[in-house]
Amino acid sequence: MDLVPTSDSVIIREIPYQEQSKGGVILPTEIAPSLAEAEVMAVGLGAIAFGHRVSSDIQAGDIIIYNKDLYPIQPIIEDGEKFLMIRANTVLAYRRSARDKTDEA
């Protein structure tokens, strides 16, 4: 993918919903339809606040959980594949990619 998001935008690929995440978190069915998991494909450099760039903790390869009903989501089609663009501050939680876990060990 050649797309590079600007500012605090994040390009993601949605992961189909599962009642229990790989980390063992069980999502109640009444909130499950509004929550979604996605793989982060690309992250912008960050927003500008008070004259300084504020970068995101999220990195490409991370798995995120976000509320798809509360925030605007922009669909993008690139190379025949569907991606979504959201703001980094709409991410509720994230799980580091396997690449970073091996670096920490």
PDB file of N, CA and C in Angstrom:
ATOM      1  N   MET A   1       0.844  -1.166   0.000  1.00  0.00           N
ATOM      2  CA  MET A   1       0.000   0.000   0.000  1.00  0.00           C
ATOM      3  C   MET A   1       0.894   1.234   0.000  1.00  0.00           C
ATOM      4  N   ASP A   2       0.592   2.156  -0.898  1.00  0.00           N
ATOM      5  CA  ASP A   2       1.399   3.358  -1.037  1.00  0.00           C
ATOM      6  C   ASP A   2       0.819   4.566  -0.307  1.00  0.00           C
ATOM      7  N   LEU A   3      -0.346   4.413   0.320  1.00  0.00           N
ATOM      8  CA  LEU A   3      -0.976   5.539   0.999  1.00  0.00           C
ATOM      9  C   LEU A   3      -0.265   5.868   2.308  1.00  0.00           C
ATOM     10  N   VAL A   4      -0.063   7.158   2.542  1.00  0.00           N
ATOM     11  CA  VAL A   4       0.527   7.634   3.792  1.00  0.00           C
ATOM     12  C   VAL A   4      -0.470   8.612   4.405  1.00  0.00           C
ATOM     13  N   PRO A   5      -0.996   8.305   5.590  1.00  0.00           N
ATOM     14  CA  PRO A   5      -1.954   9.227   6.212  1.00  0.00           C
ATOM     15  C   PRO A   5      -1.270  10.481   6.730  1.00  0.00           C
ATOM     16  N   THR A   6      -2.016  11.560   6.782  1.00  0.00           N
ATOM     17  CA  THR A   6      -1.483  12.814   7.290  1.00  0.00           C
ATOM     18  C   THR A   6      -1.966  13.055   8.716  1.00  0.00           C
ATOM     19  N   SER A   7      -1.316  13.964   9.397  1.00  0.00           N
ATOM     20  CA  SER A   7      -1.697  14.396  10.739  1.00  0.00           C
ATOM     21  C   SER A   7      -1.885  13.212  11.666  1.00  0.00           C
ATOM     22  N   ASP A   8      -3.028  13.141  12.367  1.00  0.00           N
ATOM     23  CA  ASP A   8      -3.258  12.049  13.313  1.00  0.00           C
ATOM     24  C   ASP A   8      -4.194  10.989  12.734  1.00  0.00           C
ATOM     25  N   SER A   9      -4.199  10.851  11.414  1.00  0.00           N
ATOM     26  CA  SER A   9      -5.009   9.831  10.754  1.00  0.00           C
ATOM     27  C   SER A   9      -4.321   8.477  10.815  1.00  0.00           C
ATOM     28  N   VAL A  10      -5.149   7.418  10.815  1.00  0.00           N
ATOM     29  CA  VAL A  10      -4.662   6.041  10.854  1.00  0.00           C
ATOM     30  C   VAL A  10      -5.415   5.263   9.791  1.00  0.00           C
ATOM     31  N   ILE A  11      -4.701   4.508   8.972  1.00  0.00           N
ATOM     32  CA  ILE A  11      -5.329   3.641   7.982  1.00  0.00           C
ATOM     33  C   ILE A  11      -5.360   2.238   8.568  1.00  0.00           C
ATOM     34  N   ILE A  12      -6.556   1.621   8.560  1.00  0.00           N
ATOM     35  CA  ILE A  12      -6.736   0.310   9.181  1.00  0.00           C
ATOM     36  C   ILE A  12      -7.432  -0.650   8.236  1.00  0.00           C
ATOM     37  N   ARG A  13      -7.282  -1.941   8.539  1.00  0.00           N
ATOM     38  CA  ARG A  13      -8.030  -2.996   7.843  1.00  0.00           C
ATOM     39  C   ARG A  13      -8.837  -3.717   8.911  1.00  0.00           C
ATOM     40  N   GLU A  14     -10.165  -3.656   8.788  1.00  0.00           N
ATOM     41  CA  GLU A  14     -11.033  -4.230   9.817  1.00  0.00           C
ATOM     42  C   GLU A  14     -10.902  -5.747   9.874  1.00  0.00           C
ATOM     43  N   ILE A  15     -10.944  -6.281  11.091  1.00  0.00           N
ATOM     44  CA  ILE A  15     -10.901  -7.717  11.347  1.00  0.00           C
ATOM     45  C   ILE A  15     -12.327  -8.137  11.692  1.00  0.00           C
ATOM     46  N   PRO A  16     -12.833  -9.226  11.089  1.00  0.00           N
ATOM     47  CA  PRO A  16     -14.201  -9.658  11.400  1.00  0.00           C
ATOM     48  C   PRO A  16     -14.398  -9.871  12.901  1.00  0.00           C
ATOM     49  N   TYR A  17     -15.591  -9.512  13.417  1.00  0.00           N
ATOM     50  CA  TYR A  17     -15.895  -9.560  14.838  1.00  0.00           C
ATOM     51  C   TYR A  17     -15.861 -10.983  15.386  1.00  0.00           C
ATOM     52  N   GLN A  18     -15.274 -11.137  16.587  1.00  0.00           N
ATOM     53  CA  GLN A  18     -15.293 -12.386  17.344  1.00  0.00           C
ATOM     54  C   GLN A  18     -15.768 -12.043  18.749  1.00  0.00           C
ATOM     55  N   GLU A  19     -16.563 -12.921  19.354  1.00  0.00           N
ATOM     56  CA  GLU A  19     -17.090 -12.637  20.688  1.00  0.00           C
ATOM     57  C   GLU A  19     -15.989 -12.555  21.736  1.00  0.00           C
ATOM     58  N   GLN A  20     -14.898 -13.300  21.531  1.00  0.00           N
ATOM     59  CA  GLN A  20     -13.774 -13.252  22.471  1.00  0.00           C
ATOM     60  C   GLN A  20     -12.517 -12.931  21.676  1.00  0.00           C
ATOM     61  N   SER A  21     -11.772 -11.937  22.143  1.00  0.00           N
ATOM     62  CA  SER A  21     -10.550 -11.556  21.453  1.00  0.00           C
ATOM     63  C   SER A  21      -9.452 -12.571  21.727  1.00  0.00           C
ATOM     64  N   LYS A  22      -8.393 -12.543  20.951  1.00  0.00           N
ATOM     65  CA  LYS A  22      -7.264 -13.450  21.153  1.00  0.00           C
ATOM     66  C   LYS A  22      -6.633 -13.268  22.525  1.00  0.00           C
ATOM     67  N   GLY A  23      -6.735 -12.059  23.069  1.00  0.00           N
ATOM     68  CA  GLY A  23      -6.181 -11.779  24.395  1.00  0.00           C
ATOM     69  C   GLY A  23      -7.079 -12.271  25.522  1.00  0.00           C
ATOM     70  N   GLY A  24      -8.260 -12.823  25.179  1.00  0.00           N
ATOM     71  CA  GLY A  24      -9.150 -13.375  26.186  1.00  0.00           C
ATOM     72  C   GLY A  24     -10.215 -12.427  26.675  1.00  0.00           C
ATOM     73  N   VAL A  25     -10.277 -11.211  26.128  1.00  0.00           N
ATOM     74  CA  VAL A  25     -11.296 -10.255  26.547  1.00  0.00           C
ATOM     75  C   VAL A  25     -12.628 -10.663  25.925  1.00  0.00           C
ATOM     76  N   ILE A  26     -13.641 -10.871  26.770  1.00  0.00           N
ATOM     77  CA  ILE A  26     -14.973 -11.229  26.279  1.00  0.00           C
ATOM     78  C   ILE A  26     -15.791  -9.947  26.182  1.00  0.00           C
ATOM     79  N   LEU A  27     -16.290  -9.680  24.989  1.00  0.00           N
ATOM     80  CA  LEU A  27     -17.050  -8.461  24.751  1.00  0.00           C
ATOM     81  C   LEU A  27     -18.540  -8.753  24.890  1.00  0.00           C
ATOM     82  N   PRO A  28     -19.248  -8.054  25.769  1.00  0.00           N
ATOM     83  CA  PRO A  28     -20.689  -8.270  25.919  1.00  0.00           C
ATOM     84  C   PRO A  28     -21.418  -8.032  24.607  1.00  0.00           C
ATOM     85  N   THR A  29     -22.435  -8.819  24.347  1.00  0.00           N
ATOM     86  CA  THR A  29     -23.140  -8.722  23.069  1.00  0.00           C
ATOM     87  C   THR A  29     -23.845  -7.388  22.882  1.00  0.00           C
ATOM     88  N   GLU A  30     -24.238  -6.702  23.975  1.00  0.00           N
ATOM     89  CA  GLU A  30     -24.932  -5.434  23.796  1.00  0.00           C
ATOM     90  C   GLU A  30     -24.005  -4.317  23.306  1.00  0.00           C
ATOM     91  N   ILE A  31     -22.688  -4.413  23.539  1.00  0.00           N
ATOM     92  CA  ILE A  31     -21.773  -3.398  23.013  1.00  0.00           C
ATOM     93  C   ILE A  31     -20.967  -3.904  21.829  1.00  0.00           C
ATOM     94  N   ALA A  32     -20.990  -5.184  21.606  1.00  0.00           N
ATOM     95  CA  ALA A  32     -20.159  -5.782  20.563  1.00  0.00           C
ATOM     96  C   ALA A  32     -20.396  -5.207  19.172  1.00  0.00           C
ATOM     97  N   PRO A  33     -21.645  -4.959  18.745  1.00  0.00           N
ATOM     98  CA  PRO A  33     -21.823  -4.443  17.385  1.00  0.00           C
ATOM     99  C   PRO A  33     -21.146  -3.103  17.133  1.00  0.00           C
ATOM    100  N   SER A  34     -20.975  -2.278  18.158  1.00  0.00           N
ATOM    101  CA  SER A  34     -20.368  -0.970  17.944  1.00  0.00           C
ATOM    102  C   SER A  34     -18.840  -1.011  18.031  1.00  0.00           C
ATOM    103  N   LEU A  35     -18.282  -2.039  18.668  1.00  0.00           N
ATOM    104  CA  LEU A  35     -16.830  -2.161  18.756  1.00  0.00           C
ATOM    105  C   LEU A  35     -16.305  -2.998  17.607  1.00  0.00           C
ATOM    106  N   ALA A  36     -15.127  -2.650  17.136  1.00  0.00           N
ATOM    107  CA  ALA A  36     -14.517  -3.400  16.041  1.00  0.00           C
ATOM    108  C   ALA A  36     -13.022  -3.507  16.279  1.00  0.00           C
ATOM    109  N   GLU A  37     -12.437  -4.574  15.771  1.00  0.00           N
ATOM    110  CA  GLU A  37     -10.986  -4.761  15.800  1.00  0.00           C
ATOM    111  C   GLU A  37     -10.450  -4.516  14.408  1.00  0.00           C
ATOM    112  N   ALA A  38      -9.236  -4.012  14.344  1.00  0.00           N
ATOM    113  CA  ALA A  38      -8.620  -3.748  13.047  1.00  0.00           C
ATOM    114  C   ALA A  38      -7.107  -3.811  13.180  1.00  0.00           C
ATOM    115  N   GLU A  39      -6.468  -4.108  12.067  1.00  0.00           N
ATOM    116  CA  GLU A  39      -5.007  -4.072  11.997  1.00  0.00           C
ATOM    117  C   GLU A  39      -4.600  -2.710  11.452  1.00  0.00           C
ATOM    118  N   VAL A  40      -3.646  -2.080  12.098  1.00  0.00           N
ATOM    119  CA  VAL A  40      -3.152  -0.777  11.660  1.00  0.00           C
ATOM    120  C   VAL A  40      -2.202  -0.983  10.481  1.00  0.00           C
ATOM    121  N   MET A  41      -2.502  -0.330   9.381  1.00  0.00           N
ATOM    122  CA  MET A  41      -1.680  -0.451   8.175  1.00  0.00           C
ATOM    123  C   MET A  41      -0.677   0.694   8.068  1.00  0.00           C
ATOM    124  N   ALA A  42      -1.081   1.909   8.474  1.00  0.00           N
ATOM    125  CA  ALA A  42      -0.203   3.084   8.399  1.00  0.00           C
ATOM    126  C   ALA A  42      -0.698   4.130   9.384  1.00  0.00           C
ATOM    127  N   VAL A  43       0.239   4.929   9.909  1.00  0.00           N
ATOM    128  CA  VAL A  43      -0.076   5.959  10.893  1.00  0.00           C
ATOM    129  C   VAL A  43       0.550   7.273  10.445  1.00  0.00           C
ATOM    130  N   GLY A  44      -0.206   8.362  10.588  1.00  0.00           N
ATOM    131  CA  GLY A  44       0.321   9.688  10.265  1.00  0.00           C
ATOM    132  C   GLY A  44       1.356  10.125  11.297  1.00  0.00           C
ATOM    133  N   LEU A  45       2.014  11.247  11.030  1.00  0.00           N
ATOM    134  CA  LEU A  45       3.068  11.746  11.915  1.00  0.00           C
ATOM    135  C   LEU A  45       2.544  12.274  13.243  1.00  0.00           C
ATOM    136  N   GLY A  46       1.257  12.602  13.319  1.00  0.00           N
ATOM    137  CA  GLY A  46       0.670  13.109  14.558  1.00  0.00           C
ATOM    138  C   GLY A  46       0.068  14.485  14.367  1.00  0.00           C
ATOM    139  N   ALA A  47      -0.771  14.854  15.319  1.00  0.00           N
ATOM    140  CA  ALA A  47      -1.442  16.153  15.278  1.00  0.00           C
ATOM    141  C   ALA A  47      -0.511  17.235  15.795  1.00  0.00           C
ATOM    142  N   ILE A  48      -0.831  18.477  15.451  1.00  0.00           N
ATOM    143  CA  ILE A  48      -0.092  19.626  15.982  1.00  0.00           C
ATOM    144  C   ILE A  48      -0.919  20.216  17.130  1.00  0.00           C
ATOM    145  N   ALA A  49      -0.316  20.309  18.311  1.00  0.00           N
ATOM    146  CA  ALA A  49      -0.982  20.896  19.472  1.00  0.00           C
ATOM    147  C   ALA A  49      -0.031  21.891  20.127  1.00  0.00           C
ATOM    148  N   PHE A  50      -0.484  23.123  20.276  1.00  0.00           N
ATOM    149  CA  PHE A  50       0.314  24.185  20.889  1.00  0.00           C
ATOM    150  C   PHE A  50       1.677  24.350  20.199  1.00  0.00           C
ATOM    151  N   GLY A  51       1.677  24.192  18.881  1.00  0.00           N
ATOM    152  CA  GLY A  51       2.885  24.392  18.098  1.00  0.00           C
ATOM    153  C   GLY A  51       3.850  23.217  18.072  1.00  0.00           C
ATOM    154  N   HIS A  52       3.489  22.099  18.682  1.00  0.00           N
ATOM    155  CA  HIS A  52       4.360  20.920  18.710  1.00  0.00           C
ATOM    156  C   HIS A  52       3.621  19.713  18.147  1.00  0.00           C
ATOM    157  N   ARG A  53       4.355  18.858  17.471  1.00  0.00           N
ATOM    158  CA  ARG A  53       3.754  17.631  16.934  1.00  0.00           C
ATOM    159  C   ARG A  53       3.618  16.612  18.053  1.00  0.00           C
ATOM    160  N   VAL A  54       2.421  16.028  18.158  1.00  0.00           N
ATOM    161  CA  VAL A  54       2.139  14.995  19.155  1.00  0.00           C
ATOM    162  C   VAL A  54       1.942  13.693  18.399  1.00  0.00           C
ATOM    163  N   SER A  55       2.912  12.796  18.501  1.00  0.00           N
ATOM    164  CA  SER A  55       2.830  11.532  17.769  1.00  0.00           C
ATOM    165  C   SER A  55       1.950  10.543  18.522  1.00  0.00           C
ATOM    166  N   SER A  56       1.488   9.545  17.815  1.00  0.00           N
ATOM    167  CA  SER A  56       0.603   8.527  18.377  1.00  0.00           C
ATOM    168  C   SER A  56       1.414   7.367  18.943  1.00  0.00           C
ATOM    169  N   ASP A  57       0.848   6.679  19.918  1.00  0.00           N
ATOM    170  CA  ASP A  57       1.464   5.457  20.442  1.00  0.00           C
ATOM    171  C   ASP A  57       1.269   4.289  19.492  1.00  0.00           C
ATOM    172  N   ILE A  58       0.295   4.401  18.621  1.00  0.00           N
ATOM    173  CA  ILE A  58      -0.067   3.314  17.711  1.00  0.00           C
ATOM    174  C   ILE A  58       0.946   3.231  16.572  1.00  0.00           C
ATOM    175  N   GLN A  59       1.276   1.999  16.181  1.00  0.00           N
ATOM    176  CA  GLN A  59       2.213   1.772  15.087  1.00  0.00           C
ATOM    177  C   GLN A  59       1.604   0.806  14.081  1.00  0.00           C
ATOM    178  N   ALA A  60       2.105   0.840  12.860  1.00  0.00           N
ATOM    179  CA  ALA A  60       1.665  -0.114  11.845  1.00  0.00           C
ATOM    180  C   ALA A  60       1.921  -1.527  12.351  1.00  0.00           C
ATOM    181  N   GLY A  61       0.942  -2.395  12.163  1.00  0.00           N
ATOM    182  CA  GLY A  61       1.040  -3.772  12.625  1.00  0.00           C
ATOM    183  C   GLY A  61       0.292  -4.025  13.921  1.00  0.00           C
ATOM    184  N   ASP A  62      -0.004  -2.970  14.687  1.00  0.00           N
ATOM    185  CA  ASP A  62      -0.765  -3.130  15.931  1.00  0.00           C
ATOM    186  C   ASP A  62      -2.201  -3.526  15.615  1.00  0.00           C
ATOM    187  N   ILE A  63      -2.842  -4.186  16.567  1.00  0.00           N
ATOM    188  CA  ILE A  63      -4.267  -4.506  16.483  1.00  0.00           C
ATOM    189  C   ILE A  63      -4.983  -3.538  17.415  1.00  0.00           C
ATOM    190  N   ILE A  64      -6.005  -2.856  16.902  1.00  0.00           N
ATOM    191  CA  ILE A  64      -6.712  -1.861  17.711  1.00  0.00           C
ATOM    192  C   ILE A  64      -8.160  -2.267  17.923  1.00  0.00           C
ATOM    193  N   ILE A  65      -8.768  -1.680  18.955  1.00  0.00           N
ATOM    194  CA  ILE A  65     -10.210  -1.761  19.171  1.00  0.00           C
ATOM    195  C   ILE A  65     -10.718  -0.329  19.115  1.00  0.00           C
ATOM    196  N   TYR A  66     -11.761  -0.100  18.341  1.00  0.00           N
ATOM    197  CA  TYR A  66     -12.323   1.237  18.206  1.00  0.00           C
ATOM    198  C   TYR A  66     -13.836   1.132  18.108  1.00  0.00           C
ATOM    199  N   ASN A  67     -14.523   2.227  18.382  1.00  0.00           N
ATOM    200  CA  ASN A  67     -15.972   2.278  18.306  1.00  0.00           C
ATOM    201  C   ASN A  67     -16.342   2.809  16.928  1.00  0.00           C
ATOM    202  N   LYS A  68     -16.863   1.940  16.091  1.00  0.00           N
ATOM    203  CA  LYS A  68     -17.152   2.331  14.712  1.00  0.00           C
ATOM    204  C   LYS A  68     -18.438   3.129  14.553  1.00  0.00           C
ATOM    205  N   ASP A  69     -19.240   3.235  15.628  1.00  0.00           N
ATOM    206  CA  ASP A  69     -20.497   3.969  15.529  1.00  0.00           C
ATOM    207  C   ASP A  69     -20.402   5.423  15.991  1.00  0.00           C
ATOM    208  N   LEU A  70     -19.392   5.775  16.768  1.00  0.00           N
ATOM    209  CA  LEU A  70     -19.320   7.113  17.341  1.00  0.00           C
ATOM    210  C   LEU A  70     -18.536   8.122  16.509  1.00  0.00           C
ATOM    211  N   TYR A  71     -17.635   7.677  15.682  1.00  0.00           N
ATOM    212  CA  TYR A  71     -16.710   8.585  15.014  1.00  0.00           C
ATOM    213  C   TYR A  71     -16.816   8.438  13.505  1.00  0.00           C
ATOM    214  N   PRO A  72     -16.502   9.484  12.766  1.00  0.00           N
ATOM    215  CA  PRO A  72     -16.526   9.375  11.306  1.00  0.00           C
ATOM    216  C   PRO A  72     -15.419   8.445  10.802  1.00  0.00           C
ATOM    217  N   ILE A  73     -15.789   7.603   9.878  1.00  0.00           N
ATOM    218  CA  ILE A  73     -14.855   6.653   9.284  1.00  0.00           C
ATOM    219  C   ILE A  73     -14.898   6.844   7.779  1.00  0.00           C
ATOM    220  N   GLN A  74     -13.730   6.993   7.167  1.00  0.00           N
ATOM    221  CA  GLN A  74     -13.645   7.214   5.730  1.00  0.00           C
ATOM    222  C   GLN A  74     -13.172   5.927   5.053  1.00  0.00           C
ATOM    223  N   PRO A  75     -14.019   5.276   4.223  1.00  0.00           N
ATOM    224  CA  PRO A  75     -13.562   4.086   3.509  1.00  0.00           C
ATOM    225  C   PRO A  75     -12.614   4.449   2.365  1.00  0.00           C
ATOM    226  N   ILE A  76     -11.635   3.584   2.135  1.00  0.00           N
ATOM    227  CA  ILE A  76     -10.649   3.782   1.070  1.00  0.00           C
ATOM    228  C   ILE A  76     -10.488   2.454   0.343  1.00  0.00           C
ATOM    229  N   ILE A  77     -10.480   2.499  -0.980  1.00  0.00           N
ATOM    230  CA  ILE A  77     -10.201   1.304  -1.775  1.00  0.00           C
ATOM    231  C   ILE A  77      -8.828   1.486  -2.409  1.00  0.00           C
ATOM    232  N   GLU A  78      -7.919   0.583  -2.106  1.00  0.00           N
ATOM    233  CA  GLU A  78      -6.550   0.648  -2.637  1.00  0.00           C
ATOM    234  C   GLU A  78      -6.179  -0.741  -3.132  1.00  0.00           C
ATOM    235  N   ASP A  79      -5.802  -0.860  -4.396  1.00  0.00           N
ATOM    236  CA  ASP A  79      -5.434  -2.142  -5.004  1.00  0.00           C
ATOM    237  C   ASP A  79      -6.550  -3.176  -4.843  1.00  0.00           C
ATOM    238  N   GLY A  80      -7.814  -2.726  -4.918  1.00  0.00           N
ATOM    239  CA  GLY A  80      -8.956  -3.625  -4.819  1.00  0.00           C
ATOM    240  C   GLY A  80      -9.279  -4.080  -3.404  1.00  0.00           C
ATOM    241  N   GLU A  81      -8.586  -3.578  -2.406  1.00  0.00           N
ATOM    242  CA  GLU A  81      -8.823  -3.966  -1.017  1.00  0.00           C
ATOM    243  C   GLU A  81      -9.406  -2.781  -0.255  1.00  0.00           C
ATOM    244  N   LYS A  82     -10.337  -3.071   0.673  1.00  0.00           N
ATOM    245  CA  LYS A  82     -10.997  -2.009   1.437  1.00  0.00           C
ATOM    246  C   LYS A  82     -10.236  -1.726   2.727  1.00  0.00           C
ATOM    247  N   PHE A  83      -9.928  -0.456   2.933  1.00  0.00           N
ATOM    248  CA  PHE A  83      -9.315   0.027   4.159  1.00  0.00           C
ATOM    249  C   PHE A  83     -10.206   1.125   4.725  1.00  0.00           C
ATOM    250  N   LEU A  84      -9.962   1.481   5.970  1.00  0.00           N
ATOM    251  CA  LEU A  84     -10.697   2.569   6.605  1.00  0.00           C
ATOM    252  C   LEU A  84      -9.700   3.573   7.147  1.00  0.00           C
ATOM    253  N   MET A  85     -10.102   4.844   7.161  1.00  0.00           N
ATOM    254  CA  MET A  85      -9.257   5.879   7.757  1.00  0.00           C
ATOM    255  C   MET A  85      -9.999   6.458   8.955  1.00  0.00           C
ATOM    256  N   ILE A  86      -9.324   6.454  10.119  1.00  0.00           N
ATOM    257  CA  ILE A  86      -9.896   7.008  11.341  1.00  0.00           C
ATOM    258  C   ILE A  86      -8.865   7.930  11.988  1.00  0.00           C
ATOM    259  N   ARG A  87      -9.262   8.639  13.007  1.00  0.00           N
ATOM    260  CA  ARG A  87      -8.343   9.474  13.786  1.00  0.00           C
ATOM    261  C   ARG A  87      -7.739   8.634  14.903  1.00  0.00           C
ATOM    262  N   ALA A  88      -6.480   8.864  15.205  1.00  0.00           N
ATOM    263  CA  ALA A  88      -5.786   8.096  16.245  1.00  0.00           C
ATOM    264  C   ALA A  88      -6.465   8.240  17.599  1.00  0.00           C
ATOM    265  N   ASN A  89      -7.058   9.386  17.868  1.00  0.00           N
ATOM    266  CA  ASN A  89      -7.679   9.583  19.182  1.00  0.00           C
ATOM    267  C   ASN A  89      -9.005   8.844  19.337  1.00  0.00           C
ATOM    268  N   THR A  90      -9.491   8.169  18.301  1.00  0.00           N
ATOM    269  CA  THR A  90     -10.706   7.369  18.408  1.00  0.00           C
ATOM    270  C   THR A  90     -10.416   5.928  18.806  1.00  0.00           C
ATOM    271  N   VAL A  91      -9.145   5.557  18.896  1.00  0.00           N
ATOM    272  CA  VAL A  91      -8.754   4.196  19.267  1.00  0.00           C
ATOM    273  C   VAL A  91      -8.935   4.029  20.772  1.00  0.00           C
ATOM    274  N   LEU A  92      -9.659   2.982  21.179  1.00  0.00           N
ATOM    275  CA  LEU A  92      -9.930   2.729  22.588  1.00  0.00           C
ATOM    276  C   LEU A  92      -8.805   1.937  23.252  1.00  0.00           C
ATOM    277  N   ALA A  93      -8.232   0.986  22.527  1.00  0.00           N
ATOM    278  CA  ALA A  93      -7.160   0.146  23.067  1.00  0.00           C
ATOM    279  C   ALA A  93      -6.372  -0.436  21.901  1.00  0.00           C
ATOM    280  N   TYR A  94      -5.157  -0.873  22.184  1.00  0.00           N
ATOM    281  CA  TYR A  94      -4.370  -1.516  21.132  1.00  0.00           C
ATOM    282  C   TYR A  94      -3.487  -2.605  21.731  1.00  0.00           C
ATOM    283  N   ARG A  95      -3.102  -3.526  20.857  1.00  0.00           N
ATOM    284  CA  ARG A  95      -2.216  -4.627  21.207  1.00  0.00           C
ATOM    285  C   ARG A  95      -1.006  -4.520  20.283  1.00  0.00           C
ATOM    286  N   ARG A  96       0.174  -4.468  20.871  1.00  0.00           N
ATOM    287  CA  ARG A  96       1.398  -4.338  20.072  1.00  0.00           C
ATOM    288  C   ARG A  96       1.553  -5.492  19.090  1.00  0.00           C
ATOM    289  N   SER A  97       2.192  -5.210  17.978  1.00  0.00           N
ATOM    290  CA  SER A  97       2.431  -6.232  16.973  1.00  0.00           C
ATOM    291  C   SER A  97       3.454  -7.244  17.487  1.00  0.00           C
ATOM    292  N   ALA A  98       3.468  -8.420  16.907  1.00  0.00           N
ATOM    293  CA  ALA A  98       4.412  -9.468  17.306  1.00  0.00           C
ATOM    294  C   ALA A  98       5.853  -9.019  17.123  1.00  0.00           C
ATOM    295  N   ARG A  99       6.105  -8.147  16.161  1.00  0.00           N
ATOM    296  CA  ARG A  99       7.464  -7.640  15.912  1.00  0.00           C
ATOM    297  C   ARG A  99       8.015  -6.924  17.132  1.00  0.00           C
ATOM    298  N   ASP A 100       7.193  -6.088  17.762  1.00  0.00           N
ATOM    299  CA  ASP A 100       7.641  -5.327  18.933  1.00  0.00           C
ATOM    300  C   ASP A 100       7.798  -6.202  20.155  1.00  0.00           C
ATOM    301  N   LYS A 101       7.002  -7.262  20.277  1.00  0.00           N
ATOM    302  CA  LYS A 101       7.114  -8.155  21.422  1.00  0.00           C
ATOM    303  C   LYS A 101       8.447  -8.894  21.436  1.00  0.00           C
ATOM    304  N   THR A 102       8.964  -9.220  20.251  1.00  0.00           N
ATOM    305  CA  THR A 102      10.255  -9.898  20.196  1.00  0.00           C
ATOM    306  C   THR A 102      11.403  -8.932  20.502  1.00  0.00           C
ATOM    307  N   ASP A 103      11.210  -7.642  20.183  1.00  0.00           N
ATOM    308  CA  ASP A 103      12.232  -6.639  20.496  1.00  0.00           C
ATOM    309  C   ASP A 103      12.352  -6.410  22.000  1.00  0.00           C
ATOM    310  N   GLU A 104      11.216  -6.541  22.741  1.00  0.00           N
ATOM    311  CA  GLU A 104      11.203  -6.314  24.173  1.00  0.00           C
ATOM    312  C   GLU A 104      11.840  -7.455  24.955  1.00  0.00           C
ATOM    313  N   ALA A 105      11.823  -8.663  24.401  1.00  0.00           N
ATOM    314  CA  ALA A 105      12.343  -9.844  25.107  1.00  0.00           C
ATOM    315  C   ALA A 105      13.843  -9.869  25.196  1.00  0.00           C
TER     316      ALA A 105
END
